[in-house]
Amino acid sequence: MAAVDDRAGRPPDNEAMQRVATVDDWASRFARLTSGFPLSARLGIRAAARFVPELVKVPMLLAAAAETTGDATPGRPDPPLTCVPSAEWRGGSADVVVVGSGAGGAVVAKVLAEAGMDVVVVEEGRRHTAEEFRRTSTFDRFRTLYRDSGATVALGLPPVVLPLGRGVGGTTLVNSGTCFRTPDRVLRRWREQWGVPTDEFPELLDAVERMLHVAPQPLDVLGRNGLLAIAGASSLGWDAQPLNRNAPGCAGSCQCAVGCPRNAKNGVHLNALPDACRAGARIVTEARVTRVITARRRAEGVLIRRPDGSSFVLRAPLVVVAAGATETPPLLRRSGLGGQPGLGRGMAVHPATTVAGRFDEPVNSSRGVLQSVGIERFHDEGILIEATTGPAGLVTFPLPGTGRELRHELDNRHHLAYLGAMVADAPAGQVLGRHRPVITYQLTRADAGKLRKAMVEMGRVLFAAGATEVLTGLDRHPRASTVEELAEIVGTTPAKALRVAAFHPTGTARMGADGQRAPVDVTGRLRGVYGVYIADGSCLPTCPEVNPQVTIMAVAMAVANGIRSTS
């Protein structure tokens, strides 16, 4: 096991803690003050106010807890990319415009550029480098790498925190690096219920895994957080294994969520996009696509806005939208292409919750692999448990209290180990709006039941590993000293009081054979217009039940192969 760097796990300074406690106390009072508002006015206010403590606390703790990564090892150099800031772009035309440079858009750009097509990728964010990640504080990276500085929330009861990456490489810059293949049962459901051809999907998954260098995470850098998960599961007779990841050079810096300082995690900015650029593709950065331009039901290009407010047109007969499940529907609506049945609806988010176990010996969970171990015992029931931690400040959700109690918990947080669980959910969300997405999500009774079961089973693992108590993240009952007490707490907690986050929005422009349910046909083409395709998480018919990067890339490869064969 790699040596632990205690500096990365040191408590934030007292001044920062005072600020955190003040904000936390104020936000709690604000939530109580709104209790007398009419329901129609109260829902949105209280949904946002409920997470004010967390949304403010996280960046403050990131700023106080760790100025830089503490990892000065250069690692792999950044590959050359043909990136042109929009301020320097002089317009022109292309064979294909790809909107978005994340998992879907990058693969489309690679496939079509290597087929000889002139490809321009348009990315709203900018390029980030590993050298920047090594010298920049976690606070600054968190603020710049996420849309809305990580404060995106799906409104509902409970509200759901929904962090979304933004930059060249999209969310692959900041995801965990966990690489699951799409389960066979999911592919069967897509084939039988949605008419999506999946016979070639295993070969596509193979190709994606080769591109990303997917392999099981070695134990030597796993970190104690992951090793405790294995120990707890083993003592229960359960199987727990290091996760397959796209990070062959991982050194256990636990920085995946704020940019890998060694370029060890193979986001698409290190493979698909460089391949595309070597084949002639160009990437326009800091450029927001405001509209897909069409005429006579055919694509003609995109209208792009620069940061200074000026705009220009990029002409192309093919437009592939890969802006993500929350941004693709508003873009299509702004473009006059939002009339298809189901657009913006049917969103699954893979809701997640986290618990922490307190141990007598230090865990130093912020050293090691951010998402390290998988427990699939309940996966057939729609529950996937993963040992998940993060840089100091990003794993504060289970910590209870305000003021002095919160400061005490933070001072002792390096004795905590964390487990997280995601549940395969019903498509209970939607993305409204044209210019700025309004995201709503209502957790179903069945999915709330899955989250409750997941919390109990995660607590069981932590207690089996030697935890003296489990922190639930629930306001009214923040601690449990036994599995039985934990089961009683979560069993009596209403769904609206659960603490929920999500990282995998999908399904807002579903792919399928039935035009009354699916805005996108089985080739990825947006119905009602020629030359517009969708190739991101929005076109997945249902929740993929696993971390979706590999699935999205495989779907994008299928869409791109179809375009290549018909163009």
Protein backbone atom coordinates (compact mmCIF):
# COMPACT_ATOMS: atom_id res chain seq x y z
CA MET A 1 0.00 0.00 0.00
CA ALA A 2 1.32 3.45 -0.87
CA ALA A 3 2.58 5.73 1.88
CA VAL A 4 0.04 8.17 3.29
CA ASP A 5 0.67 11.90 2.97
CA ASP A 6 -0.78 13.35 6.17
CA ARG A 7 -0.68 16.89 4.78
CA ALA A 8 -3.49 16.06 2.35
CA GLY A 9 -5.71 14.93 5.22
CA ARG A 10 -5.06 17.76 7.67
CA PRO A 11 -8.06 19.62 9.10
CA PRO A 12 -8.94 23.04 7.67
CA ASP A 13 -7.82 26.07 9.67
CA ASN A 14 -9.99 27.56 12.41
CA GLU A 15 -10.88 30.69 10.44
CA ALA A 16 -12.23 28.61 7.57
CA MET A 17 -14.18 26.46 10.02
CA GLN A 18 -15.74 29.53 11.57
CA ARG A 19 -16.91 30.67 8.15
CA VAL A 20 -18.32 27.23 7.36
CA ALA A 21 -20.21 27.07 10.64
CA THR A 22 -21.63 30.56 10.16
CA VAL A 23 -22.90 29.77 6.67
CA ASP A 24 -24.28 26.42 7.84
CA ASP A 25 -26.19 27.97 10.75
CA TRP A 26 -27.54 30.77 8.55
CA ALA A 27 -28.72 28.36 5.86
CA SER A 28 -30.52 26.20 8.41
CA ARG A 29 -32.35 29.23 9.78
CA PHE A 30 -33.23 30.34 6.23
CA ALA A 31 -34.81 26.96 5.49
CA ARG A 32 -36.92 27.21 8.65
CA LEU A 33 -38.03 30.77 7.85
CA THR A 34 -39.48 29.67 4.51
CA SER A 35 -41.73 27.08 6.15
CA GLY A 36 -44.65 29.53 6.21
CA PHE A 37 -44.56 30.29 2.49
CA PRO A 38 -47.32 28.96 0.19
CA LEU A 39 -46.41 25.56 -1.26
CA SER A 40 -46.11 26.87 -4.83
CA ALA A 41 -43.52 29.44 -3.76
CA ARG A 42 -41.90 27.20 -1.18
CA LEU A 43 -40.90 24.17 -3.25
CA GLY A 44 -38.20 25.82 -5.31
CA ILE A 45 -36.91 27.99 -2.45
CA ARG A 46 -36.70 25.19 0.07
CA ALA A 47 -35.29 22.74 -2.47
CA ALA A 48 -32.38 25.09 -3.07
CA ALA A 49 -32.10 26.24 0.55
CA ARG A 50 -31.88 22.67 1.81
CA PHE A 51 -28.52 22.29 0.12
CA VAL A 52 -27.13 25.77 0.73
CA PRO A 53 -24.97 24.43 3.60
CA GLU A 54 -23.47 21.73 1.40
CA LEU A 55 -23.09 23.82 -1.76
CA VAL A 56 -21.28 26.57 0.15
CA LYS A 57 -19.42 24.28 2.55
CA VAL A 58 -17.79 22.14 -0.13
CA PRO A 59 -15.88 24.87 -2.00
CA MET A 60 -14.91 26.56 1.27
CA LEU A 61 -13.46 23.33 2.60
CA LEU A 62 -11.67 22.69 -0.66
CA ALA A 63 -10.08 26.11 -0.35
CA ALA A 64 -9.04 25.57 3.27
CA ALA A 65 -8.06 21.90 3.28
CA ALA A 66 -5.60 21.59 0.43
CA GLU A 67 -3.96 24.33 -1.60
CA THR A 68 -2.56 21.94 -4.23
CA THR A 69 -2.52 18.22 -4.92
CA GLY A 70 0.72 17.59 -3.05
CA ASP A 71 1.75 15.49 -6.09
CA ALA A 72 4.51 17.19 -8.04
CA THR A 73 5.26 14.12 -10.18
CA PRO A 74 4.77 15.17 -13.81
CA GLY A 75 3.29 11.87 -14.99
CA ARG A 76 2.19 11.58 -18.62
CA PRO A 77 2.55 14.73 -20.75
CA ASP A 78 -0.53 16.36 -22.22
CA PRO A 79 -1.01 15.24 -25.82
CA PRO A 80 -1.23 17.85 -28.58
CA LEU A 81 -4.74 19.04 -29.35
CA THR A 82 -5.78 21.45 -32.07
CA CYS A 83 -7.70 23.82 -29.81
CA VAL A 84 -8.66 27.28 -31.02
CA PRO A 85 -10.34 29.70 -28.58
CA SER A 86 -13.52 31.10 -30.06
CA ALA A 87 -12.10 34.63 -29.83
CA GLU A 88 -9.47 33.57 -32.41
CA TRP A 89 -11.79 31.54 -34.65
CA ARG A 90 -12.42 33.20 -37.98
CA GLY A 91 -15.43 31.15 -39.06
CA GLY A 92 -15.71 28.82 -41.98
CA SER A 93 -17.33 25.47 -42.68
CA ALA A 94 -16.87 21.76 -42.08
CA ASP A 95 -18.34 18.43 -43.06
CA VAL A 96 -19.48 17.79 -39.49
CA VAL A 97 -19.92 19.94 -36.40
CA VAL A 98 -19.88 18.07 -33.09
CA VAL A 99 -21.42 19.98 -30.18
CA GLY A 100 -19.61 18.91 -27.00
CA SER A 101 -16.26 17.22 -26.40
CA GLY A 102 -17.20 14.72 -23.69
CA ALA A 103 -17.51 10.94 -23.87
CA GLY A 104 -19.97 10.97 -26.78
CA GLY A 105 -18.72 13.91 -28.80
CA ALA A 106 -15.05 12.89 -28.62
CA VAL A 107 -15.74 9.40 -29.99
CA VAL A 108 -17.86 10.77 -32.83
CA ALA A 109 -15.10 13.23 -33.72
CA LYS A 110 -12.48 10.46 -33.73
CA VAL A 111 -14.47 8.05 -35.89
CA LEU A 112 -15.54 10.62 -38.47
CA ALA A 113 -12.19 12.42 -38.67
CA GLU A 114 -10.39 9.12 -39.18
CA ALA A 115 -12.88 8.38 -41.97
CA GLY A 116 -11.60 11.48 -43.79
CA MET A 117 -14.34 13.94 -42.87
CA ASP A 118 -13.59 17.56 -41.91
CA VAL A 119 -14.70 17.70 -38.26
CA VAL A 120 -14.99 20.68 -35.93
CA VAL A 121 -15.80 20.08 -32.26
CA VAL A 122 -17.39 23.00 -30.41
CA GLU A 123 -16.81 23.05 -26.64
CA GLU A 124 -18.30 25.54 -24.18
CA GLY A 125 -15.44 25.11 -21.70
CA ARG A 126 -11.72 25.48 -22.18
CA ARG A 127 -8.77 23.12 -22.26
CA HIS A 128 -7.22 22.10 -18.95
CA THR A 129 -3.80 20.52 -18.46
CA ALA A 130 -2.20 18.23 -15.88
CA GLU A 131 0.40 20.90 -15.13
CA GLU A 132 -2.45 23.26 -14.25
CA PHE A 133 -3.95 20.61 -11.97
CA ARG A 134 -0.61 20.22 -10.14
CA ARG A 135 -0.17 23.91 -9.42
CA THR A 136 -3.79 24.98 -8.86
CA SER A 137 -5.76 24.59 -5.64
CA THR A 138 -8.56 22.07 -5.45
CA PHE A 139 -10.94 24.97 -4.84
CA ASP A 140 -10.02 26.69 -8.11
CA ARG A 141 -10.24 23.44 -10.04
CA PHE A 142 -13.62 22.60 -8.55
CA ARG A 143 -14.90 26.05 -9.46
CA THR A 144 -13.71 25.96 -13.07
CA LEU A 145 -14.17 22.29 -13.98
CA TYR A 146 -17.89 22.10 -13.12
CA ARG A 147 -20.90 23.80 -14.62
CA ASP A 148 -22.28 26.37 -12.15
CA SER A 149 -19.20 25.69 -9.98
CA GLY A 150 -20.70 22.32 -9.07
CA ALA A 151 -23.94 23.84 -7.74
CA THR A 152 -26.38 22.32 -10.26
CA VAL A 153 -29.45 20.94 -8.48
CA ALA A 154 -32.45 19.00 -9.77
CA LEU A 155 -35.47 20.45 -7.97
CA GLY A 156 -37.77 18.05 -6.18
CA LEU A 157 -38.46 16.45 -2.83
CA PRO A 158 -35.73 15.63 -2.07
CA PRO A 159 -33.64 17.92 -4.27
CA VAL A 160 -30.73 16.17 -5.96
CA VAL A 161 -27.24 17.66 -6.29
CA LEU A 162 -26.11 17.05 -9.89
CA PRO A 163 -22.46 18.00 -10.56
CA LEU A 164 -21.68 18.31 -14.29
CA GLY A 165 -18.23 18.68 -15.81
CA ARG A 166 -17.37 21.38 -18.33
CA GLY A 167 -14.17 21.59 -20.36
CA VAL A 168 -12.37 19.84 -23.21
CA GLY A 169 -13.07 16.23 -22.33
CA GLY A 170 -16.39 16.98 -20.64
CA THR A 171 -17.28 15.05 -17.52
CA THR A 172 -14.54 12.49 -18.26
CA LEU A 173 -12.20 15.15 -16.83
CA VAL A 174 -13.82 14.85 -13.41
CA ASN A 175 -15.44 11.43 -13.18
CA SER A 176 -14.14 8.59 -11.05
CA GLY A 177 -12.56 6.64 -13.89
CA THR A 178 -14.77 3.63 -13.13
CA CYS A 179 -15.44 1.62 -16.29
CA PHE A 180 -18.30 -0.88 -16.26
CA ARG A 181 -19.52 -2.67 -19.36
CA THR A 182 -23.23 -2.26 -20.03
CA PRO A 183 -24.99 -5.18 -18.30
CA ASP A 184 -26.53 -7.78 -20.62
CA ARG A 185 -29.94 -7.29 -18.99
CA VAL A 186 -29.84 -3.60 -19.90
CA LEU A 187 -28.95 -4.35 -23.51
CA ARG A 188 -31.72 -6.92 -23.66
CA ARG A 189 -34.23 -4.36 -22.33
CA TRP A 190 -33.14 -1.80 -24.91
CA ARG A 191 -33.50 -4.35 -27.67
CA GLU A 192 -36.85 -5.81 -26.59
CA GLN A 193 -38.60 -2.72 -25.24
CA TRP A 194 -37.07 0.06 -27.33
CA GLY A 195 -36.11 -1.67 -30.56
CA VAL A 196 -32.47 -0.62 -30.32
CA PRO A 197 -30.19 -3.09 -32.14
CA THR A 198 -27.57 -4.27 -29.63
CA ASP A 199 -26.08 -7.35 -31.32
CA GLU A 200 -22.83 -5.53 -32.11
CA PHE A 201 -22.62 -3.82 -28.73
CA PRO A 202 -20.11 -6.28 -27.19
CA GLU A 203 -17.62 -5.49 -29.96
CA LEU A 204 -18.16 -1.77 -29.44
CA LEU A 205 -17.56 -2.16 -25.71
CA ASP A 206 -14.36 -4.07 -26.46
CA ALA A 207 -13.16 -1.22 -28.68
CA VAL A 208 -13.91 1.39 -26.01
CA GLU A 209 -12.11 -0.59 -23.32
CA ARG A 210 -9.02 -0.85 -25.54
CA MET A 211 -9.13 2.89 -26.19
CA LEU A 212 -9.33 3.66 -22.46
CA HIS A 213 -6.88 0.92 -21.31
CA VAL A 214 -9.44 -0.45 -18.88
CA ALA A 215 -8.08 -2.83 -16.23
CA PRO A 216 -8.75 -3.76 -12.58
CA GLN A 217 -7.29 -1.24 -10.16
CA PRO A 218 -4.14 -2.67 -8.50
CA LEU A 219 -4.22 -3.03 -4.72
CA ASP A 220 -0.98 -1.14 -4.05
CA VAL A 221 -2.56 2.31 -4.46
CA LEU A 222 -6.12 1.39 -3.49
CA GLY A 223 -5.98 3.24 -0.17
CA ARG A 224 -7.35 2.21 3.21
CA ASN A 225 -10.87 3.34 2.31
CA GLY A 226 -11.06 0.64 -0.36
CA LEU A 227 -9.25 -1.98 1.71
CA LEU A 228 -11.77 -1.55 4.53
CA ALA A 229 -14.62 -2.10 2.06
CA ILE A 230 -13.01 -5.36 0.96
CA ALA A 231 -12.44 -6.40 4.58
CA GLY A 232 -16.00 -5.64 5.64
CA ALA A 233 -17.54 -7.44 2.69
CA SER A 234 -15.24 -10.43 3.16
CA SER A 235 -16.21 -10.80 6.81
CA LEU A 236 -19.85 -10.98 5.68
CA GLY A 237 -19.04 -13.57 3.04
CA TRP A 238 -19.73 -11.10 0.23
CA ASP A 239 -17.63 -10.58 -2.87
CA ALA A 240 -15.90 -7.22 -3.23
CA GLN A 241 -13.36 -6.47 -5.92
CA PRO A 242 -11.24 -3.55 -7.08
CA LEU A 243 -13.13 -1.77 -9.83
CA ASN A 244 -12.18 -1.76 -13.48
CA ARG A 245 -10.81 1.69 -14.25
CA ASN A 246 -9.21 3.62 -17.10
CA ALA A 247 -6.24 4.67 -14.96
CA PRO A 248 -3.20 2.41 -15.51
CA GLY A 249 -0.80 4.96 -14.04
CA CYS A 250 -2.88 5.84 -10.96
CA ALA A 251 -0.79 6.87 -7.94
CA GLY A 252 -3.71 7.16 -5.53
CA SER A 253 -3.80 10.94 -5.27
CA CYS A 254 -7.63 10.85 -4.95
CA GLN A 255 -7.93 13.83 -7.27
CA CYS A 256 -10.12 12.32 -10.01
CA ALA A 257 -13.03 14.65 -9.25
CA VAL A 258 -10.91 17.78 -9.71
CA GLY A 259 -8.61 16.71 -12.53
CA CYS A 260 -5.85 14.10 -12.41
CA PRO A 261 -2.46 15.78 -11.82
CA ARG A 262 -0.58 12.89 -13.48
CA ASN A 263 -2.82 12.30 -16.52
CA ALA A 264 -3.19 8.77 -15.19
CA LYS A 265 -6.96 8.70 -15.73
CA ASN A 266 -7.75 8.24 -19.40
CA GLY A 267 -10.42 10.83 -20.04
CA VAL A 268 -11.24 11.37 -23.69
CA HIS A 269 -8.94 14.41 -23.76
CA LEU A 270 -6.09 11.88 -23.69
CA ASN A 271 -7.24 9.41 -26.35
CA ALA A 272 -10.28 10.01 -28.58
CA LEU A 273 -9.73 13.76 -28.96
CA PRO A 274 -5.98 13.52 -29.74
CA ASP A 275 -6.78 10.78 -32.27
CA ALA A 276 -9.38 13.05 -33.85
CA CYS A 277 -6.97 15.98 -34.00
CA ARG A 278 -4.23 13.84 -35.57
CA ALA A 279 -6.77 13.02 -38.28
CA GLY A 280 -7.44 16.73 -38.87
CA ALA A 281 -10.24 17.61 -36.44
CA ARG A 282 -10.25 21.01 -34.75
CA ILE A 283 -11.71 22.01 -31.39
CA VAL A 284 -13.22 25.46 -30.89
CA THR A 285 -13.14 26.20 -27.16
CA GLU A 286 -15.01 28.69 -24.96
CA ALA A 287 -17.82 28.58 -27.50
CA ARG A 288 -21.48 28.09 -26.65
CA VAL A 289 -23.73 26.76 -29.39
CA THR A 290 -26.91 28.78 -29.14
CA ARG A 291 -28.73 27.23 -32.08
CA VAL A 292 -28.59 24.45 -34.64
CA ILE A 293 -29.32 26.10 -37.97
CA THR A 294 -31.70 24.27 -40.29
CA ALA A 295 -33.47 25.06 -43.53
CA ARG A 296 -36.06 22.95 -45.33
CA ARG A 297 -35.73 20.35 -42.55
CA ARG A 298 -32.01 19.92 -43.14
CA ALA A 299 -29.03 20.86 -40.98
CA GLU A 300 -26.95 23.77 -42.20
CA GLY A 301 -24.64 24.39 -39.25
CA VAL A 302 -24.62 26.05 -35.84
CA LEU A 303 -24.71 29.55 -34.37
CA ILE A 304 -21.96 30.02 -31.77
CA ARG A 305 -21.61 32.70 -29.10
CA ARG A 306 -18.23 33.84 -27.81
CA PRO A 307 -17.63 34.89 -24.16
CA ASP A 308 -17.75 38.57 -25.21
CA GLY A 309 -21.30 38.11 -26.55
CA SER A 310 -20.46 38.20 -30.24
CA SER A 311 -21.62 35.34 -32.46
CA PHE A 312 -20.57 33.57 -35.63
CA VAL A 313 -21.92 30.80 -37.84
CA LEU A 314 -20.15 27.53 -38.54
CA ARG A 315 -21.64 25.88 -41.63
CA ALA A 316 -21.97 22.10 -41.92
CA PRO A 317 -24.51 19.67 -43.43
CA LEU A 318 -24.16 17.34 -40.45
CA VAL A 319 -24.52 18.35 -36.79
CA VAL A 320 -23.97 15.85 -33.98
CA VAL A 321 -25.29 17.12 -30.64
CA ALA A 322 -23.40 15.69 -27.67
CA ALA A 323 -23.97 18.44 -25.12
CA GLY A 324 -25.17 16.11 -22.36
CA ALA A 325 -28.56 15.09 -21.02
CA THR A 326 -29.24 18.45 -19.35
CA GLU A 327 -28.05 20.72 -22.17
CA THR A 328 -29.15 18.86 -25.31
CA PRO A 329 -32.94 19.40 -24.88
CA PRO A 330 -32.71 23.19 -24.36
CA LEU A 331 -30.39 23.49 -27.37
CA LEU A 332 -32.87 21.63 -29.56
CA ARG A 333 -35.73 23.80 -28.30
CA ARG A 334 -33.77 26.99 -29.05
CA SER A 335 -33.25 25.59 -32.53
CA GLY A 336 -36.93 25.01 -33.21
CA LEU A 337 -36.35 21.25 -33.01
CA GLY A 338 -38.04 20.58 -29.68
CA GLY A 339 -41.42 19.32 -30.81
CA GLN A 340 -40.69 15.60 -30.76
CA PRO A 341 -42.65 13.53 -28.22
CA GLY A 342 -40.63 12.85 -25.09
CA LEU A 343 -37.85 15.39 -25.60
CA GLY A 344 -36.58 16.55 -22.21
CA ARG A 345 -38.59 13.91 -20.35
CA GLY A 346 -37.71 10.45 -19.13
CA MET A 347 -34.54 11.50 -17.34
CA ALA A 348 -32.85 8.96 -15.08
CA VAL A 349 -30.09 10.26 -12.80
CA HIS A 350 -28.77 7.13 -11.03
CA PRO A 351 -29.44 8.65 -7.58
CA ALA A 352 -26.73 8.07 -5.03
CA THR A 353 -26.24 8.36 -1.30
CA THR A 354 -23.20 8.11 0.95
CA VAL A 355 -22.58 6.93 4.50
CA ALA A 356 -19.40 7.11 6.57
CA GLY A 357 -18.02 4.77 9.20
CA ARG A 358 -15.86 5.97 12.08
CA PHE A 359 -12.79 3.88 12.91
CA ASP A 360 -10.41 3.99 15.85
CA GLU A 361 -7.37 4.07 13.57
CA PRO A 362 -6.88 6.80 10.96
CA VAL A 363 -8.28 6.00 7.52
CA ASN A 364 -7.00 9.06 5.66
CA SER A 365 -9.60 8.42 2.99
CA SER A 366 -8.39 11.30 0.83
CA ARG A 367 -5.30 9.27 -0.04
CA GLY A 368 -5.84 6.39 -2.42
CA VAL A 369 -8.21 5.74 -5.28
CA LEU A 370 -11.30 7.94 -5.30
CA GLN A 371 -13.67 5.13 -6.37
CA SER A 372 -11.87 1.90 -5.66
CA VAL A 373 -14.00 -1.15 -4.84
CA GLY A 374 -17.31 -2.50 -6.08
CA ILE A 375 -19.81 -4.65 -4.18
CA GLU A 376 -22.33 -6.12 -6.62
CA ARG A 377 -24.26 -8.37 -4.23
CA PHE A 378 -27.45 -6.32 -4.73
CA HIS A 379 -26.87 -5.20 -8.30
CA ASP A 380 -29.68 -7.40 -9.64
CA GLU A 381 -31.99 -5.43 -7.33
CA GLY A 382 -30.76 -2.16 -8.84
CA ILE A 383 -28.28 -1.29 -6.08
CA LEU A 384 -24.56 -0.87 -6.82
CA ILE A 385 -22.28 -0.20 -3.84
CA GLU A 386 -18.86 1.35 -4.38
CA ALA A 387 -16.15 2.50 -1.99
CA THR A 388 -16.13 6.18 -2.88
CA THR A 389 -14.21 9.02 -1.28
CA GLY A 390 -12.67 12.25 -2.55
CA PRO A 391 -10.43 15.22 -1.82
CA ALA A 392 -10.99 16.88 1.53
CA GLY A 393 -14.18 18.93 1.21
CA LEU A 394 -15.89 16.69 -1.34
CA VAL A 395 -16.93 13.97 1.12
CA THR A 396 -18.64 16.13 3.72
CA PHE A 397 -22.26 15.16 3.02
CA PRO A 398 -22.53 12.55 5.80
CA LEU A 399 -21.04 14.86 8.44
CA PRO A 400 -23.65 15.99 10.97
CA GLY A 401 -24.27 19.18 12.85
CA THR A 402 -23.60 22.87 12.64
CA GLY A 403 -21.27 25.21 14.45
CA ARG A 404 -19.05 23.50 17.03
CA GLU A 405 -20.39 20.03 16.27
CA LEU A 406 -19.54 20.40 12.60
CA ARG A 407 -16.07 21.73 13.42
CA HIS A 408 -15.45 18.75 15.69
CA GLU A 409 -16.53 16.32 12.98
CA LEU A 410 -14.27 17.97 10.44
CA ASP A 411 -11.31 17.91 12.80
CA ASN A 412 -11.72 14.13 13.06
CA ARG A 413 -12.74 13.32 9.52
CA HIS A 414 -9.54 11.39 8.73
CA HIS A 415 -10.92 8.56 10.93
CA LEU A 416 -13.84 8.11 8.52
CA ALA A 417 -14.26 5.60 5.69
CA TYR A 418 -16.93 6.15 3.03
CA LEU A 419 -19.19 3.96 0.96
CA GLY A 420 -21.56 5.18 -1.73
CA ALA A 421 -24.43 3.47 -3.51
CA MET A 422 -26.23 4.22 -6.76
CA VAL A 423 -29.66 2.86 -7.59
CA ALA A 424 -31.07 2.10 -11.03
CA ASP A 425 -33.99 4.50 -11.10
CA ALA A 426 -37.23 5.07 -12.93
CA PRO A 427 -37.17 7.88 -15.53
CA ALA A 428 -38.63 10.39 -13.08
CA GLY A 429 -36.90 13.58 -14.17
CA GLN A 430 -37.22 16.17 -16.88
CA VAL A 431 -35.28 19.08 -18.32
CA LEU A 432 -37.37 22.17 -19.02
CA GLY A 433 -36.47 25.52 -20.52
CA ARG A 434 -34.81 26.88 -23.64
CA HIS A 435 -31.97 29.16 -22.58
CA ARG A 436 -31.02 27.76 -19.20
CA PRO A 437 -32.15 24.27 -18.23
CA VAL A 438 -34.55 23.86 -15.33
CA ILE A 439 -34.08 20.34 -14.02
CA THR A 440 -36.72 18.59 -11.94
CA TYR A 441 -36.66 15.11 -10.46
CA GLN A 442 -39.07 13.30 -8.18
CA LEU A 443 -37.66 10.23 -6.45
CA THR A 444 -40.16 7.38 -6.74
CA ARG A 445 -41.28 5.35 -3.75
CA ALA A 446 -39.57 2.24 -5.11
CA ASP A 447 -36.28 4.05 -5.68
CA ALA A 448 -36.41 5.63 -2.23
CA GLY A 449 -36.78 2.09 -0.90
CA LYS A 450 -33.65 1.05 -2.80
CA LEU A 451 -31.71 3.96 -1.31
CA ARG A 452 -32.83 2.99 2.20
CA LYS A 453 -31.78 -0.62 1.66
CA ALA A 454 -28.46 0.56 0.25
CA MET A 455 -27.78 2.66 3.35
CA VAL A 456 -28.43 -0.29 5.66
CA GLU A 457 -26.24 -2.65 3.64
CA MET A 458 -23.41 -0.11 3.43
CA GLY A 459 -23.63 0.30 7.19
CA ARG A 460 -23.48 -3.47 7.56
CA VAL A 461 -20.20 -3.52 5.60
CA LEU A 462 -18.69 -0.70 7.63
CA PHE A 463 -19.62 -2.23 10.98
CA ALA A 464 -18.26 -5.58 9.80
CA ALA A 465 -14.98 -3.83 8.96
CA GLY A 466 -14.75 -2.49 12.53
CA ALA A 467 -16.53 0.87 12.44
CA THR A 468 -17.65 2.12 15.87
CA GLU A 469 -20.50 4.17 14.42
CA VAL A 470 -22.01 5.09 11.07
CA LEU A 471 -22.82 8.65 10.01
CA THR A 472 -26.02 8.61 7.98
CA GLY A 473 -26.10 12.12 6.49
CA LEU A 474 -29.70 12.44 7.75
CA ASP A 475 -30.50 15.64 9.61
CA ARG A 476 -32.69 14.20 12.35
CA HIS A 477 -30.77 10.98 12.98
CA PRO A 478 -27.17 11.55 11.96
CA ARG A 479 -25.60 8.58 13.81
CA ALA A 480 -26.15 4.89 14.31
CA SER A 481 -24.19 2.58 16.59
CA THR A 482 -25.54 -0.73 15.25
CA VAL A 483 -26.97 -2.14 12.05
CA GLU A 484 -30.33 -2.53 13.78
CA GLU A 485 -30.37 1.12 14.83
CA LEU A 486 -29.41 2.17 11.30
CA ALA A 487 -32.23 0.09 9.83
CA GLU A 488 -34.71 1.71 12.21
CA ILE A 489 -33.48 5.20 11.33
CA VAL A 490 -33.62 4.83 7.55
CA GLY A 491 -36.88 2.87 7.69
CA THR A 492 -38.65 5.77 9.36
CA THR A 493 -37.05 8.56 7.32
CA PRO A 494 -39.39 10.04 4.69
CA ALA A 495 -38.11 10.15 1.13
CA LYS A 496 -38.01 13.95 1.11
CA ALA A 497 -35.50 13.88 3.99
CA LEU A 498 -32.99 11.62 2.26
CA ARG A 499 -29.69 13.20 1.22
CA VAL A 500 -29.28 12.43 -2.48
CA ALA A 501 -26.76 13.30 -5.17
CA ALA A 502 -26.50 12.07 -8.75
CA PHE A 503 -23.80 12.02 -11.40
CA HIS A 504 -25.25 10.22 -14.43
CA PRO A 505 -28.20 12.04 -16.06
CA THR A 506 -29.48 10.12 -19.09
CA GLY A 507 -32.54 9.61 -21.26
CA THR A 508 -33.76 13.11 -22.15
CA ALA A 509 -33.62 12.40 -25.90
CA ARG A 510 -34.20 8.68 -25.94
CA MET A 511 -33.21 6.47 -28.82
CA GLY A 512 -35.83 3.97 -29.99
CA ALA A 513 -37.94 2.53 -32.77
CA ASP A 514 -41.23 4.11 -31.64
CA GLY A 515 -41.47 7.74 -32.69
CA GLN A 516 -44.21 8.38 -30.14
CA ARG A 517 -41.81 7.62 -27.28
CA ALA A 518 -38.34 8.25 -28.67
CA PRO A 519 -37.28 11.61 -30.17
CA VAL A 520 -34.23 9.90 -31.70
CA ASP A 521 -34.35 6.91 -34.05
CA VAL A 522 -32.21 3.80 -33.59
CA THR A 523 -29.41 5.26 -35.75
CA GLY A 524 -29.10 8.34 -33.53
CA ARG A 525 -30.87 10.71 -35.97
CA LEU A 526 -33.21 13.30 -34.48
CA ARG A 527 -36.65 12.69 -35.90
CA GLY A 528 -38.19 15.39 -38.08
CA VAL A 529 -34.94 16.79 -39.48
CA TYR A 530 -32.14 15.49 -41.69
CA GLY A 531 -28.50 15.79 -40.71
CA VAL A 532 -28.97 16.22 -36.93
CA TYR A 533 -27.82 13.37 -34.71
CA ILE A 534 -27.65 12.86 -30.92
CA ALA A 535 -24.71 10.99 -29.38
CA ASP A 536 -24.52 11.52 -25.64
CA GLY A 537 -26.12 10.24 -22.44
CA SER A 538 -29.43 11.81 -23.40
CA CYS A 539 -30.09 9.13 -26.03
CA LEU A 540 -29.78 6.14 -23.66
CA PRO A 541 -33.29 4.63 -23.43
CA THR A 542 -33.11 3.82 -19.70
CA CYS A 543 -30.70 4.03 -16.78
CA PRO A 544 -27.65 1.92 -17.72
CA GLU A 545 -27.40 0.68 -14.09
CA VAL A 546 -23.61 1.27 -14.02
CA ASN A 547 -21.22 4.20 -14.34
CA PRO A 548 -22.11 5.17 -17.92
CA GLN A 549 -18.92 6.40 -19.62
CA VAL A 550 -18.17 3.16 -21.47
CA THR A 551 -21.83 2.79 -22.48
CA ILE A 552 -22.06 6.37 -23.81
CA MET A 553 -18.85 5.94 -25.78
CA ALA A 554 -20.09 2.67 -27.30
CA VAL A 555 -23.41 4.26 -28.32
CA ALA A 556 -21.54 7.23 -29.83
CA MET A 557 -19.32 4.84 -31.77
CA ALA A 558 -22.39 3.10 -33.18
CA VAL A 559 -23.92 6.46 -34.19
CA ALA A 560 -20.67 7.59 -35.81
CA ASN A 561 -20.25 4.29 -37.66
CA GLY A 562 -23.75 4.74 -39.05
CA ILE A 563 -23.01 8.28 -40.22
CA ARG A 564 -19.74 7.18 -41.81
CA SER A 565 -21.41 4.35 -43.73
CA THR A 566 -24.14 6.60 -45.16
CA SER A 567 -22.14 9.76 -45.89
